[in-house]
Amino acid sequence: MNKSSIKHAAELAGVSIASVSRALNNKPGLSEKTRARIIEVCKNLGYQPSEAARKLKIGRKHHVGLSLGNGDLAHGHYISTLFEALNQRLIKEGMVISLYASHELEKMVNESGTAILTGVVEGDARIKRLQALTIPFVCVGHVENCFTVTPNDELGGKLAAQHLVDLGCENSVIIESKLEGKGTKNRAFGFQSYMQSEGVIPGRIFIEERLAIELHTYRMITNLLNKKSFSFDSAFCETDEIAYGTLIACQDYGLKIPQDIKIIGFDNLPGVFDNITTLHQNLNLIADSITELLAEAKEPNSLFRHIVIPVDIFVRQSTK
């Protein structure tokens, strides 16, 4: 926001320019009532502080880069929800977070004092680069010799399998991303191990991670249905986005949910996925844990720590 914009907002809100700046940057010194009034005025005016100006003011030391993995842009709903949780948490610590695509690593290391990595895979080049530059970072996912935060993916897979077995399902399929080395593969491992202990060998369908993965999943499942190559009574999907694409494809083909096929997702994302049985991971708790580990990662000679976030199954219309 430029000076004249700040002045306009201050006049309408009946406060000083400094008060507008404090409200927009979540700084202390204002009552909640005054802060809310200022934010509402700025919202109505369509004003917001320039991200570039905030970065310049706050400095590289307090700037956090959120670096996405190669396939993460396909999971836009998850990334946007995680980003919002992280932003709300980090701003309380006086820190600014920005999003970087996988190919923007050098830009991130030039602008950020700390980093958060999503979509990590075995031998991830981003990890090697940050370690070489001694930039503190935390990974969201399963990786050795790093500070990491991850949902209990394997347990989530087992809970999904147990739920379907309890419902009498005998012909299940795992629908998962094709990208190798992702931590989310532990979801499929947990599901498969439980099913095998019950004498069921689940099928496997692999989806390429592309933008609009729901649409890509829809097209692939529709193609399999038309070829009579999809005859399962239940599906465990690696993410809610994949589950949604599967559900719509089955419905459009004429299958009844959950009578003909039961579908389970993972992540418990808000919005269009609210009718899908899913494994809930608390993104606010993940954000809190990441912030905690970032502080530890900045300390010299600190020991790596791995925080596992509990998951719970939320049963909804797609299986009941």
C-alpha atoms as a PDB file:
ATOM      1  CA  MET A   1       0.000   0.000   0.000  1.00  0.00           C
ATOM      2  CA  ASN A   2       1.466   3.384  -0.916  1.00  0.00           C
ATOM      3  CA  LYS A   3       1.444   6.409   1.383  1.00  0.00           C
ATOM      4  CA  SER A   4      -1.587   8.043  -0.182  1.00  0.00           C
ATOM      5  CA  SER A   5      -3.549   4.788   0.104  1.00  0.00           C
ATOM      6  CA  ILE A   6      -2.582   4.436   3.732  1.00  0.00           C
ATOM      7  CA  LYS A   7      -3.638   8.018   4.368  1.00  0.00           C
ATOM      8  CA  HIS A   8      -7.029   7.413   2.713  1.00  0.00           C
ATOM      9  CA  ALA A   9      -7.619   4.267   4.777  1.00  0.00           C
ATOM     10  CA  ALA A  10      -6.529   6.069   7.970  1.00  0.00           C
ATOM     11  CA  GLU A  11      -8.961   8.913   7.327  1.00  0.00           C
ATOM     12  CA  LEU A  12     -11.892   6.562   6.718  1.00  0.00           C
ATOM     13  CA  ALA A  13     -11.066   4.475   9.801  1.00  0.00           C
ATOM     14  CA  GLY A  14     -10.467   7.552  11.963  1.00  0.00           C
ATOM     15  CA  VAL A  15      -6.957   6.466  12.989  1.00  0.00           C
ATOM     16  CA  SER A  16      -3.353   7.361  12.260  1.00  0.00           C
ATOM     17  CA  ILE A  17      -1.285   6.046   9.360  1.00  0.00           C
ATOM     18  CA  ALA A  18       0.859   4.173  11.899  1.00  0.00           C
ATOM     19  CA  SER A  19      -2.240   2.417  13.239  1.00  0.00           C
ATOM     20  CA  VAL A  20      -3.165   1.220   9.736  1.00  0.00           C
ATOM     21  CA  SER A  21       0.358  -0.155   9.296  1.00  0.00           C
ATOM     22  CA  ARG A  22       0.188  -1.939  12.665  1.00  0.00           C
ATOM     23  CA  ALA A  23      -3.182  -3.486  11.827  1.00  0.00           C
ATOM     24  CA  LEU A  24      -2.132  -4.762   8.394  1.00  0.00           C
ATOM     25  CA  ASN A  25       1.141  -6.187   9.698  1.00  0.00           C
ATOM     26  CA  ASN A  26      -0.454  -7.761  12.785  1.00  0.00           C
ATOM     27  CA  LYS A  27       1.611  -5.649  15.176  1.00  0.00           C
ATOM     28  CA  PRO A  28       0.627  -4.994  18.825  1.00  0.00           C
ATOM     29  CA  GLY A  29      -0.662  -1.699  20.154  1.00  0.00           C
ATOM     30  CA  LEU A  30      -4.264  -1.776  18.923  1.00  0.00           C
ATOM     31  CA  SER A  31      -7.485  -3.017  20.450  1.00  0.00           C
ATOM     32  CA  GLU A  32      -9.129  -5.881  18.596  1.00  0.00           C
ATOM     33  CA  LYS A  33     -12.094  -3.645  17.814  1.00  0.00           C
ATOM     34  CA  THR A  34      -9.883  -0.976  16.235  1.00  0.00           C
ATOM     35  CA  ARG A  35      -7.827  -3.564  14.348  1.00  0.00           C
ATOM     36  CA  ALA A  36     -10.994  -5.158  12.939  1.00  0.00           C
ATOM     37  CA  ARG A  37     -12.339  -1.745  11.852  1.00  0.00           C
ATOM     38  CA  ILE A  38      -9.116  -0.873  10.035  1.00  0.00           C
ATOM     39  CA  ILE A  39      -8.948  -4.231   8.264  1.00  0.00           C
ATOM     40  CA  GLU A  40     -12.576  -3.912   7.190  1.00  0.00           C
ATOM     41  CA  VAL A  41     -11.930  -0.431   5.766  1.00  0.00           C
ATOM     42  CA  CYS A  42      -8.873  -1.647   3.844  1.00  0.00           C
ATOM     43  CA  LYS A  43     -10.806  -4.649   2.564  1.00  0.00           C
ATOM     44  CA  ASN A  44     -13.604  -2.404   1.285  1.00  0.00           C
ATOM     45  CA  LEU A  45     -11.051  -0.176  -0.421  1.00  0.00           C
ATOM     46  CA  GLY A  46      -9.348  -3.172  -1.981  1.00  0.00           C
ATOM     47  CA  TYR A  47      -6.061  -2.223  -0.355  1.00  0.00           C
ATOM     48  CA  GLN A  48      -3.426  -4.556   1.019  1.00  0.00           C
ATOM     49  CA  PRO A  49       0.244  -4.101   1.898  1.00  0.00           C
ATOM     50  CA  SER A  50       2.655  -4.814  -0.927  1.00  0.00           C
ATOM     51  CA  GLU A  51       4.264  -8.229  -0.454  1.00  0.00           C
ATOM     52  CA  ALA A  52       7.512  -6.895  -1.891  1.00  0.00           C
ATOM     53  CA  ALA A  53       7.469  -3.981   0.542  1.00  0.00           C
ATOM     54  CA  ARG A  54       6.798  -6.292   3.467  1.00  0.00           C
ATOM     55  CA  LYS A  55       9.723  -8.530   2.481  1.00  0.00           C
ATOM     56  CA  LEU A  56      12.018  -5.519   2.156  1.00  0.00           C
ATOM     57  CA  LYS A  57      10.938  -4.113   5.503  1.00  0.00           C
ATOM     58  CA  ILE A  58      11.071  -7.349   7.438  1.00  0.00           C
ATOM     59  CA  GLY A  59      14.346  -8.541   5.896  1.00  0.00           C
ATOM     60  CA  ARG A  60      15.619 -11.912   4.731  1.00  0.00           C
ATOM     61  CA  LYS A  61      16.164 -13.128   8.304  1.00  0.00           C
ATOM     62  CA  HIS A  62      12.422 -13.165   9.034  1.00  0.00           C
ATOM     63  CA  HIS A  63      11.282 -14.271   5.595  1.00  0.00           C
ATOM     64  CA  VAL A  64      10.224 -17.934   5.247  1.00  0.00           C
ATOM     65  CA  GLY A  65      10.121 -19.633   1.865  1.00  0.00           C
ATOM     66  CA  LEU A  66       7.567 -22.389   1.269  1.00  0.00           C
ATOM     67  CA  SER A  67       9.117 -24.519  -1.482  1.00  0.00           C
ATOM     68  CA  LEU A  68       6.796 -26.861  -3.388  1.00  0.00           C
ATOM     69  CA  GLY A  69       7.780 -30.272  -4.709  1.00  0.00           C
ATOM     70  CA  ASN A  70       7.519 -31.217  -8.383  1.00  0.00           C
ATOM     71  CA  GLY A  71       3.954 -32.515  -8.123  1.00  0.00           C
ATOM     72  CA  ASP A  72       2.570 -30.167  -5.480  1.00  0.00           C
ATOM     73  CA  LEU A  73       0.942 -27.693  -7.843  1.00  0.00           C
ATOM     74  CA  ALA A  74      -1.433 -30.507  -8.826  1.00  0.00           C
ATOM     75  CA  HIS A  75      -2.741 -30.456  -5.246  1.00  0.00           C
ATOM     76  CA  GLY A  76      -3.774 -26.813  -5.149  1.00  0.00           C
ATOM     77  CA  HIS A  77      -6.493 -27.247  -2.522  1.00  0.00           C
ATOM     78  CA  TYR A  78      -4.091 -28.849  -0.051  1.00  0.00           C
ATOM     79  CA  ILE A  79      -1.285 -26.355  -0.695  1.00  0.00           C
ATOM     80  CA  SER A  80      -3.553 -23.305  -0.333  1.00  0.00           C
ATOM     81  CA  THR A  81      -5.023 -24.637   2.928  1.00  0.00           C
ATOM     82  CA  LEU A  82      -1.579 -25.432   4.338  1.00  0.00           C
ATOM     83  CA  PHE A  83      -0.236 -22.036   3.232  1.00  0.00           C
ATOM     84  CA  GLU A  84      -3.050 -20.223   5.024  1.00  0.00           C
ATOM     85  CA  ALA A  85      -2.449 -22.197   8.244  1.00  0.00           C
ATOM     86  CA  LEU A  86       1.280 -21.455   8.080  1.00  0.00           C
ATOM     87  CA  ASN A  87       0.713 -17.788   7.291  1.00  0.00           C
ATOM     88  CA  GLN A  88      -1.596 -17.325  10.279  1.00  0.00           C
ATOM     89  CA  ARG A  89       0.899 -19.052  12.580  1.00  0.00           C
ATOM     90  CA  LEU A  90       4.120 -17.440  11.346  1.00  0.00           C
ATOM     91  CA  ILE A  91       2.730 -13.917  11.302  1.00  0.00           C
ATOM     92  CA  LYS A  92       2.358 -14.211  15.076  1.00  0.00           C
ATOM     93  CA  GLU A  93       6.130 -14.693  15.214  1.00  0.00           C
ATOM     94  CA  GLY A  94       6.732 -11.590  13.091  1.00  0.00           C
ATOM     95  CA  MET A  95       7.590 -13.632  10.018  1.00  0.00           C
ATOM     96  CA  VAL A  96       6.467 -13.407   6.389  1.00  0.00           C
ATOM     97  CA  ILE A  97       5.947 -16.505   4.237  1.00  0.00           C
ATOM     98  CA  SER A  98       6.043 -16.710   0.437  1.00  0.00           C
ATOM     99  CA  LEU A  99       5.335 -19.538  -1.983  1.00  0.00           C
ATOM    100  CA  TYR A 100       7.958 -20.829  -4.432  1.00  0.00           C
ATOM    101  CA  ALA A 101       7.509 -23.381  -7.205  1.00  0.00           C
ATOM    102  CA  SER A 102       9.993 -26.250  -7.422  1.00  0.00           C
ATOM    103  CA  HIS A 103      12.052 -24.483 -10.117  1.00  0.00           C
ATOM    104  CA  GLU A 104      12.388 -21.311  -8.015  1.00  0.00           C
ATOM    105  CA  LEU A 105      14.883 -22.706  -5.518  1.00  0.00           C
ATOM    106  CA  GLU A 106      17.606 -20.129  -6.174  1.00  0.00           C
ATOM    107  CA  LYS A 107      15.129 -17.278  -5.908  1.00  0.00           C
ATOM    108  CA  MET A 108      13.937 -18.669  -2.577  1.00  0.00           C
ATOM    109  CA  VAL A 109      17.419 -19.036  -1.076  1.00  0.00           C
ATOM    110  CA  ASN A 110      18.260 -15.460  -2.100  1.00  0.00           C
ATOM    111  CA  GLU A 111      15.139 -14.064  -0.420  1.00  0.00           C
ATOM    112  CA  SER A 112      14.573 -16.348   2.587  1.00  0.00           C
ATOM    113  CA  GLY A 113      16.301 -16.860   5.898  1.00  0.00           C
ATOM    114  CA  THR A 114      14.494 -20.146   6.571  1.00  0.00           C
ATOM    115  CA  ALA A 115      12.525 -22.585   4.449  1.00  0.00           C
ATOM    116  CA  ILE A 116       9.739 -25.164   4.515  1.00  0.00           C
ATOM    117  CA  LEU A 117       9.795 -27.953   1.935  1.00  0.00           C
ATOM    118  CA  THR A 118       6.727 -29.878   0.795  1.00  0.00           C
ATOM    119  CA  GLY A 119       6.556 -32.821  -1.597  1.00  0.00           C
ATOM    120  CA  VAL A 120       9.995 -34.055  -0.542  1.00  0.00           C
ATOM    121  CA  VAL A 121      11.342 -37.170  -2.267  1.00  0.00           C
ATOM    122  CA  GLU A 122      14.371 -39.391  -1.760  1.00  0.00           C
ATOM    123  CA  GLY A 123      17.541 -37.548  -2.777  1.00  0.00           C
ATOM    124  CA  ASP A 124      15.703 -34.223  -2.988  1.00  0.00           C
ATOM    125  CA  ALA A 125      18.040 -31.627  -4.549  1.00  0.00           C
ATOM    126  CA  ARG A 126      16.462 -28.851  -2.480  1.00  0.00           C
ATOM    127  CA  ILE A 127      17.643 -30.480   0.738  1.00  0.00           C
ATOM    128  CA  LYS A 128      21.230 -30.737  -0.507  1.00  0.00           C
ATOM    129  CA  ARG A 129      21.215 -27.106  -1.621  1.00  0.00           C
ATOM    130  CA  LEU A 130      19.850 -25.749   1.662  1.00  0.00           C
ATOM    131  CA  GLN A 131      22.279 -27.862   3.669  1.00  0.00           C
ATOM    132  CA  ALA A 132      25.182 -26.557   1.576  1.00  0.00           C
ATOM    133  CA  LEU A 133      24.079 -22.973   2.247  1.00  0.00           C
ATOM    134  CA  THR A 134      23.369 -23.729   5.955  1.00  0.00           C
ATOM    135  CA  ILE A 135      19.845 -22.335   5.606  1.00  0.00           C
ATOM    136  CA  PRO A 136      17.602 -23.745   8.380  1.00  0.00           C
ATOM    137  CA  PHE A 137      14.617 -25.673   7.022  1.00  0.00           C
ATOM    138  CA  VAL A 138      11.830 -28.083   7.912  1.00  0.00           C
ATOM    139  CA  CYS A 139      10.405 -30.778   5.635  1.00  0.00           C
ATOM    140  CA  VAL A 140       6.739 -31.738   5.473  1.00  0.00           C
ATOM    141  CA  GLY A 141       7.015 -35.448   4.840  1.00  0.00           C
ATOM    142  CA  HIS A 142       9.230 -38.464   5.455  1.00  0.00           C
ATOM    143  CA  VAL A 143      12.978 -37.885   5.036  1.00  0.00           C
ATOM    144  CA  GLU A 144      16.031 -38.843   7.080  1.00  0.00           C
ATOM    145  CA  ASN A 145      18.481 -36.480   8.803  1.00  0.00           C
ATOM    146  CA  CYS A 146      16.249 -33.422   8.713  1.00  0.00           C
ATOM    147  CA  PHE A 147      13.713 -31.627  10.871  1.00  0.00           C
ATOM    148  CA  THR A 148      10.415 -33.071   9.680  1.00  0.00           C
ATOM    149  CA  VAL A 149       6.689 -32.864  10.338  1.00  0.00           C
ATOM    150  CA  THR A 150       4.342 -35.412   8.854  1.00  0.00           C
ATOM    151  CA  PRO A 151       0.885 -36.851   9.412  1.00  0.00           C
ATOM    152  CA  ASN A 152       0.835 -40.501  10.428  1.00  0.00           C
ATOM    153  CA  ASP A 153       0.313 -41.616   6.838  1.00  0.00           C
ATOM    154  CA  GLU A 154       0.787 -45.331   7.435  1.00  0.00           C
ATOM    155  CA  LEU A 155      -1.741 -45.374  10.265  1.00  0.00           C
ATOM    156  CA  GLY A 156      -4.162 -43.428   8.077  1.00  0.00           C
ATOM    157  CA  GLY A 157      -3.927 -46.094   5.398  1.00  0.00           C
ATOM    158  CA  LYS A 158      -4.581 -48.817   7.965  1.00  0.00           C
ATOM    159  CA  LEU A 159      -7.602 -46.971   9.372  1.00  0.00           C
ATOM    160  CA  ALA A 160      -9.044 -46.653   5.874  1.00  0.00           C
ATOM    161  CA  ALA A 161      -8.537 -50.356   5.204  1.00  0.00           C
ATOM    162  CA  GLN A 162     -10.061 -51.346   8.543  1.00  0.00           C
ATOM    163  CA  HIS A 163     -13.115 -49.207   7.823  1.00  0.00           C
ATOM    164  CA  LEU A 164     -13.681 -50.857   4.433  1.00  0.00           C
ATOM    165  CA  VAL A 165     -13.129 -54.359   5.820  1.00  0.00           C
ATOM    166  CA  ASP A 166     -15.650 -53.645   8.585  1.00  0.00           C
ATOM    167  CA  LEU A 167     -18.124 -52.647   5.864  1.00  0.00           C
ATOM    168  CA  GLY A 168     -17.622 -55.995   4.131  1.00  0.00           C
ATOM    169  CA  CYS A 169     -15.569 -54.769   1.157  1.00  0.00           C
ATOM    170  CA  GLU A 170     -13.593 -57.540  -0.542  1.00  0.00           C
ATOM    171  CA  ASN A 171     -12.316 -55.980  -3.771  1.00  0.00           C
ATOM    172  CA  SER A 172     -10.481 -52.737  -3.055  1.00  0.00           C
ATOM    173  CA  VAL A 173      -8.189 -50.547  -5.146  1.00  0.00           C
ATOM    174  CA  ILE A 174      -5.568 -47.979  -4.188  1.00  0.00           C
ATOM    175  CA  ILE A 175      -5.594 -44.889  -6.412  1.00  0.00           C
ATOM    176  CA  GLU A 176      -2.373 -42.948  -5.935  1.00  0.00           C
ATOM    177  CA  SER A 177       0.052 -40.545  -7.576  1.00  0.00           C
ATOM    178  CA  LYS A 178       2.642 -41.898  -9.963  1.00  0.00           C
ATOM    179  CA  LEU A 179       5.531 -39.830  -8.591  1.00  0.00           C
ATOM    180  CA  GLU A 180       8.078 -42.117  -6.939  1.00  0.00           C
ATOM    181  CA  GLY A 181       9.669 -41.477  -3.560  1.00  0.00           C
ATOM    182  CA  LYS A 182       6.903 -39.349  -2.056  1.00  0.00           C
ATOM    183  CA  GLY A 183       6.204 -39.681   1.649  1.00  0.00           C
ATOM    184  CA  THR A 184       2.522 -40.144   0.892  1.00  0.00           C
ATOM    185  CA  LYS A 185       3.409 -43.617  -0.412  1.00  0.00           C
ATOM    186  CA  ASN A 186       3.233 -44.676   3.248  1.00  0.00           C
ATOM    187  CA  ARG A 187      -0.541 -44.217   2.988  1.00  0.00           C
ATOM    188  CA  ALA A 188      -0.739 -46.909   0.327  1.00  0.00           C
ATOM    189  CA  PHE A 189       1.680 -49.101   2.300  1.00  0.00           C
ATOM    190  CA  GLY A 190      -0.480 -48.926   5.436  1.00  0.00           C
ATOM    191  CA  PHE A 191      -3.630 -49.707   3.461  1.00  0.00           C
ATOM    192  CA  GLN A 192      -2.060 -52.590   1.585  1.00  0.00           C
ATOM    193  CA  SER A 193      -0.480 -54.180   4.670  1.00  0.00           C
ATOM    194  CA  TYR A 194      -3.782 -54.181   6.566  1.00  0.00           C
ATOM    195  CA  MET A 195      -5.728 -55.558   3.602  1.00  0.00           C
ATOM    196  CA  GLN A 196      -3.200 -58.322   3.088  1.00  0.00           C
ATOM    197  CA  SER A 197      -3.498 -59.296   6.747  1.00  0.00           C
ATOM    198  CA  GLU A 198      -7.215 -59.788   6.012  1.00  0.00           C
ATOM    199  CA  GLY A 199      -6.512 -61.899   2.950  1.00  0.00           C
ATOM    200  CA  VAL A 200      -7.297 -59.127   0.442  1.00  0.00           C
ATOM    201  CA  ILE A 201      -4.815 -58.056  -2.256  1.00  0.00           C
ATOM    202  CA  PRO A 202      -5.854 -54.547  -3.363  1.00  0.00           C
ATOM    203  CA  GLY A 203      -5.486 -53.359  -6.932  1.00  0.00           C
ATOM    204  CA  ARG A 204      -3.334 -50.341  -7.817  1.00  0.00           C
ATOM    205  CA  ILE A 205      -4.075 -47.428 -10.140  1.00  0.00           C
ATOM    206  CA  PHE A 206      -1.451 -44.721 -10.650  1.00  0.00           C
ATOM    207  CA  ILE A 207      -2.361 -41.134 -11.529  1.00  0.00           C
ATOM    208  CA  GLU A 208       0.168 -38.737 -13.054  1.00  0.00           C
ATOM    209  CA  GLU A 209       0.519 -35.577 -10.968  1.00  0.00           C
ATOM    210  CA  ARG A 210      -0.645 -32.746 -13.189  1.00  0.00           C
ATOM    211  CA  LEU A 211      -2.452 -29.478 -12.685  1.00  0.00           C
ATOM    212  CA  ALA A 212      -6.168 -30.051 -12.046  1.00  0.00           C
ATOM    213  CA  ILE A 213      -5.495 -33.564 -10.782  1.00  0.00           C
ATOM    214  CA  GLU A 214      -9.219 -34.018 -10.042  1.00  0.00           C
ATOM    215  CA  LEU A 215      -9.963 -33.669 -13.771  1.00  0.00           C
ATOM    216  CA  HIS A 216      -7.083 -35.946 -14.760  1.00  0.00           C
ATOM    217  CA  THR A 217      -8.303 -38.575 -12.275  1.00  0.00           C
ATOM    218  CA  TYR A 218     -11.857 -38.230 -13.594  1.00  0.00           C
ATOM    219  CA  ARG A 219     -10.742 -38.880 -17.162  1.00  0.00           C
ATOM    220  CA  MET A 220      -8.597 -41.870 -16.231  1.00  0.00           C
ATOM    221  CA  ILE A 221     -11.255 -43.561 -14.080  1.00  0.00           C
ATOM    222  CA  THR A 222     -13.921 -42.855 -16.722  1.00  0.00           C
ATOM    223  CA  ASN A 223     -11.717 -44.496 -19.357  1.00  0.00           C
ATOM    224  CA  LEU A 224     -11.238 -47.570 -17.156  1.00  0.00           C
ATOM    225  CA  LEU A 225     -14.984 -47.789 -16.471  1.00  0.00           C
ATOM    226  CA  ASN A 226     -15.790 -47.603 -20.185  1.00  0.00           C
ATOM    227  CA  LYS A 227     -13.296 -50.399 -20.852  1.00  0.00           C
ATOM    228  CA  LYS A 228     -14.879 -52.503 -18.076  1.00  0.00           C
ATOM    229  CA  SER A 229     -11.481 -52.443 -16.346  1.00  0.00           C
ATOM    230  CA  PHE A 230     -12.747 -50.912 -13.114  1.00  0.00           C
ATOM    231  CA  SER A 231     -14.876 -53.333 -11.122  1.00  0.00           C
ATOM    232  CA  PHE A 232     -13.961 -52.628  -7.509  1.00  0.00           C
ATOM    233  CA  ASP A 233     -16.316 -52.327  -4.544  1.00  0.00           C
ATOM    234  CA  SER A 234     -14.140 -49.751  -2.767  1.00  0.00           C
ATOM    235  CA  ALA A 235     -11.324 -47.283  -3.411  1.00  0.00           C
ATOM    236  CA  PHE A 236      -8.722 -45.742  -1.131  1.00  0.00           C
ATOM    237  CA  CYS A 237      -7.368 -42.551  -2.681  1.00  0.00           C
ATOM    238  CA  GLU A 238      -4.057 -40.934  -1.765  1.00  0.00           C
ATOM    239  CA  THR A 239      -5.658 -37.470  -1.490  1.00  0.00           C
ATOM    240  CA  ASP A 240      -9.077 -35.859  -1.333  1.00  0.00           C
ATOM    241  CA  GLU A 241      -8.518 -34.392  -4.808  1.00  0.00           C
ATOM    242  CA  ILE A 242      -8.027 -37.872  -6.281  1.00  0.00           C
ATOM    243  CA  ALA A 243     -11.026 -39.148  -4.310  1.00  0.00           C
ATOM    244  CA  TYR A 244     -13.206 -36.360  -5.713  1.00  0.00           C
ATOM    245  CA  GLY A 245     -12.240 -37.100  -9.303  1.00  0.00           C
ATOM    246  CA  THR A 246     -12.933 -40.799  -8.712  1.00  0.00           C
ATOM    247  CA  LEU A 247     -16.304 -40.137  -7.086  1.00  0.00           C
ATOM    248  CA  ILE A 248     -17.578 -37.901  -9.902  1.00  0.00           C
ATOM    249  CA  ALA A 249     -16.394 -40.359 -12.578  1.00  0.00           C
ATOM    250  CA  CYS A 250     -18.231 -43.222 -10.870  1.00  0.00           C
ATOM    251  CA  GLN A 251     -21.399 -41.172 -10.450  1.00  0.00           C
ATOM    252  CA  ASP A 252     -21.372 -40.035 -14.085  1.00  0.00           C
ATOM    253  CA  TYR A 253     -20.964 -43.645 -15.163  1.00  0.00           C
ATOM    254  CA  GLY A 254     -24.113 -44.510 -13.233  1.00  0.00           C
ATOM    255  CA  LEU A 255     -22.652 -46.099 -10.125  1.00  0.00           C
ATOM    256  CA  LYS A 256     -24.285 -45.346  -6.792  1.00  0.00           C
ATOM    257  CA  ILE A 257     -22.154 -44.043  -3.948  1.00  0.00           C
ATOM    258  CA  PRO A 258     -21.697 -45.834  -1.567  1.00  0.00           C
ATOM    259  CA  GLN A 259     -23.936 -48.754  -2.601  1.00  0.00           C
ATOM    260  CA  ASP A 260     -21.892 -49.769  -5.657  1.00  0.00           C
ATOM    261  CA  ILE A 261     -18.520 -48.414  -4.595  1.00  0.00           C
ATOM    262  CA  LYS A 262     -17.218 -46.863  -1.388  1.00  0.00           C
ATOM    263  CA  ILE A 263     -14.566 -44.133  -1.631  1.00  0.00           C
ATOM    264  CA  ILE A 264     -12.100 -42.801   0.950  1.00  0.00           C
ATOM    265  CA  GLY A 265      -9.770 -39.821   0.577  1.00  0.00           C
ATOM    266  CA  PHE A 266      -6.999 -38.348   2.711  1.00  0.00           C
ATOM    267  CA  ASP A 267      -6.388 -34.821   4.150  1.00  0.00           C
ATOM    268  CA  ASN A 268      -9.923 -33.635   5.103  1.00  0.00           C
ATOM    269  CA  LEU A 269      -9.791 -30.549   2.917  1.00  0.00           C
ATOM    270  CA  PRO A 270     -12.644 -28.043   3.331  1.00  0.00           C
ATOM    271  CA  GLY A 271     -15.122 -27.199   0.596  1.00  0.00           C
ATOM    272  CA  VAL A 272     -16.228 -29.464  -2.235  1.00  0.00           C
ATOM    273  CA  PHE A 273     -14.847 -32.566  -0.520  1.00  0.00           C
ATOM    274  CA  ASP A 274     -17.213 -32.432   2.460  1.00  0.00           C
ATOM    275  CA  ASN A 275     -19.189 -35.533   1.425  1.00  0.00           C
ATOM    276  CA  ILE A 276     -16.108 -37.775   1.164  1.00  0.00           C
ATOM    277  CA  THR A 277     -14.980 -40.095   3.960  1.00  0.00           C
ATOM    278  CA  THR A 278     -11.412 -39.032   4.662  1.00  0.00           C
ATOM    279  CA  LEU A 279      -8.428 -39.211   6.967  1.00  0.00           C
ATOM    280  CA  HIS A 280      -8.199 -35.959   8.892  1.00  0.00           C
ATOM    281  CA  GLN A 281      -4.831 -34.321   9.498  1.00  0.00           C
ATOM    282  CA  ASN A 282      -4.853 -31.186  11.625  1.00  0.00           C
ATOM    283  CA  LEU A 283      -3.158 -28.550   9.456  1.00  0.00           C
ATOM    284  CA  ASN A 284      -3.151 -26.000  12.278  1.00  0.00           C
ATOM    285  CA  LEU A 285      -1.231 -28.474  14.430  1.00  0.00           C
ATOM    286  CA  ILE A 286       1.114 -29.113  11.506  1.00  0.00           C
ATOM    287  CA  ALA A 287       1.686 -25.352  11.179  1.00  0.00           C
ATOM    288  CA  ASP A 288       2.382 -25.058  14.918  1.00  0.00           C
ATOM    289  CA  SER A 289       4.848 -27.960  14.762  1.00  0.00           C
ATOM    290  CA  ILE A 290       6.652 -26.537  11.722  1.00  0.00           C
ATOM    291  CA  THR A 291       7.036 -23.176  13.464  1.00  0.00           C
ATOM    292  CA  GLU A 292       8.402 -24.929  16.547  1.00  0.00           C
ATOM    293  CA  LEU A 293      10.956 -26.879  14.516  1.00  0.00           C
ATOM    294  CA  LEU A 294      12.010 -23.843  12.491  1.00  0.00           C
ATOM    295  CA  ALA A 295      13.035 -22.183  15.749  1.00  0.00           C
ATOM    296  CA  GLU A 296      15.020 -25.290  16.726  1.00  0.00           C
ATOM    297  CA  ALA A 297      16.628 -25.536  13.282  1.00  0.00           C
ATOM    298  CA  LYS A 298      18.079 -22.030  13.724  1.00  0.00           C
ATOM    299  CA  GLU A 299      19.941 -23.060  16.866  1.00  0.00           C
ATOM    300  CA  PRO A 300      23.564 -24.229  16.395  1.00  0.00           C
ATOM    301  CA  ASN A 301      24.174 -27.966  16.894  1.00  0.00           C
ATOM    302  CA  SER A 302      20.485 -28.698  17.436  1.00  0.00           C
ATOM    303  CA  LEU A 303      19.469 -32.334  17.007  1.00  0.00           C
ATOM    304  CA  PHE A 304      17.089 -33.311  14.229  1.00  0.00           C
ATOM    305  CA  ARG A 305      13.560 -34.008  15.391  1.00  0.00           C
ATOM    306  CA  HIS A 306      10.628 -35.693  13.676  1.00  0.00           C
ATOM    307  CA  ILE A 307       7.079 -34.785  14.722  1.00  0.00           C
ATOM    308  CA  VAL A 308       4.285 -37.172  13.711  1.00  0.00           C
ATOM    309  CA  ILE A 309       0.789 -35.673  13.595  1.00  0.00           C
ATOM    310  CA  PRO A 310      -2.100 -37.984  14.575  1.00  0.00           C
ATOM    311  CA  VAL A 311      -4.809 -38.759  12.017  1.00  0.00           C
ATOM    312  CA  ASP A 312      -8.454 -39.750  12.463  1.00  0.00           C
ATOM    313  CA  ILE A 313     -11.003 -41.138  10.043  1.00  0.00           C
ATOM    314  CA  PHE A 314     -14.024 -38.923   9.368  1.00  0.00           C
ATOM    315  CA  VAL A 315     -16.872 -41.072   8.025  1.00  0.00           C
ATOM    316  CA  ARG A 316     -19.163 -39.344   5.543  1.00  0.00           C
ATOM    317  CA  GLN A 317     -21.611 -40.123   2.724  1.00  0.00           C
ATOM    318  CA  SER A 318     -19.092 -41.787   0.403  1.00  0.00           C
ATOM    319  CA  THR A 319     -18.939 -44.893   2.627  1.00  0.00           C
ATOM    320  CA  LYS A 320     -22.163 -44.846   4.646  1.00  0.00           C
END
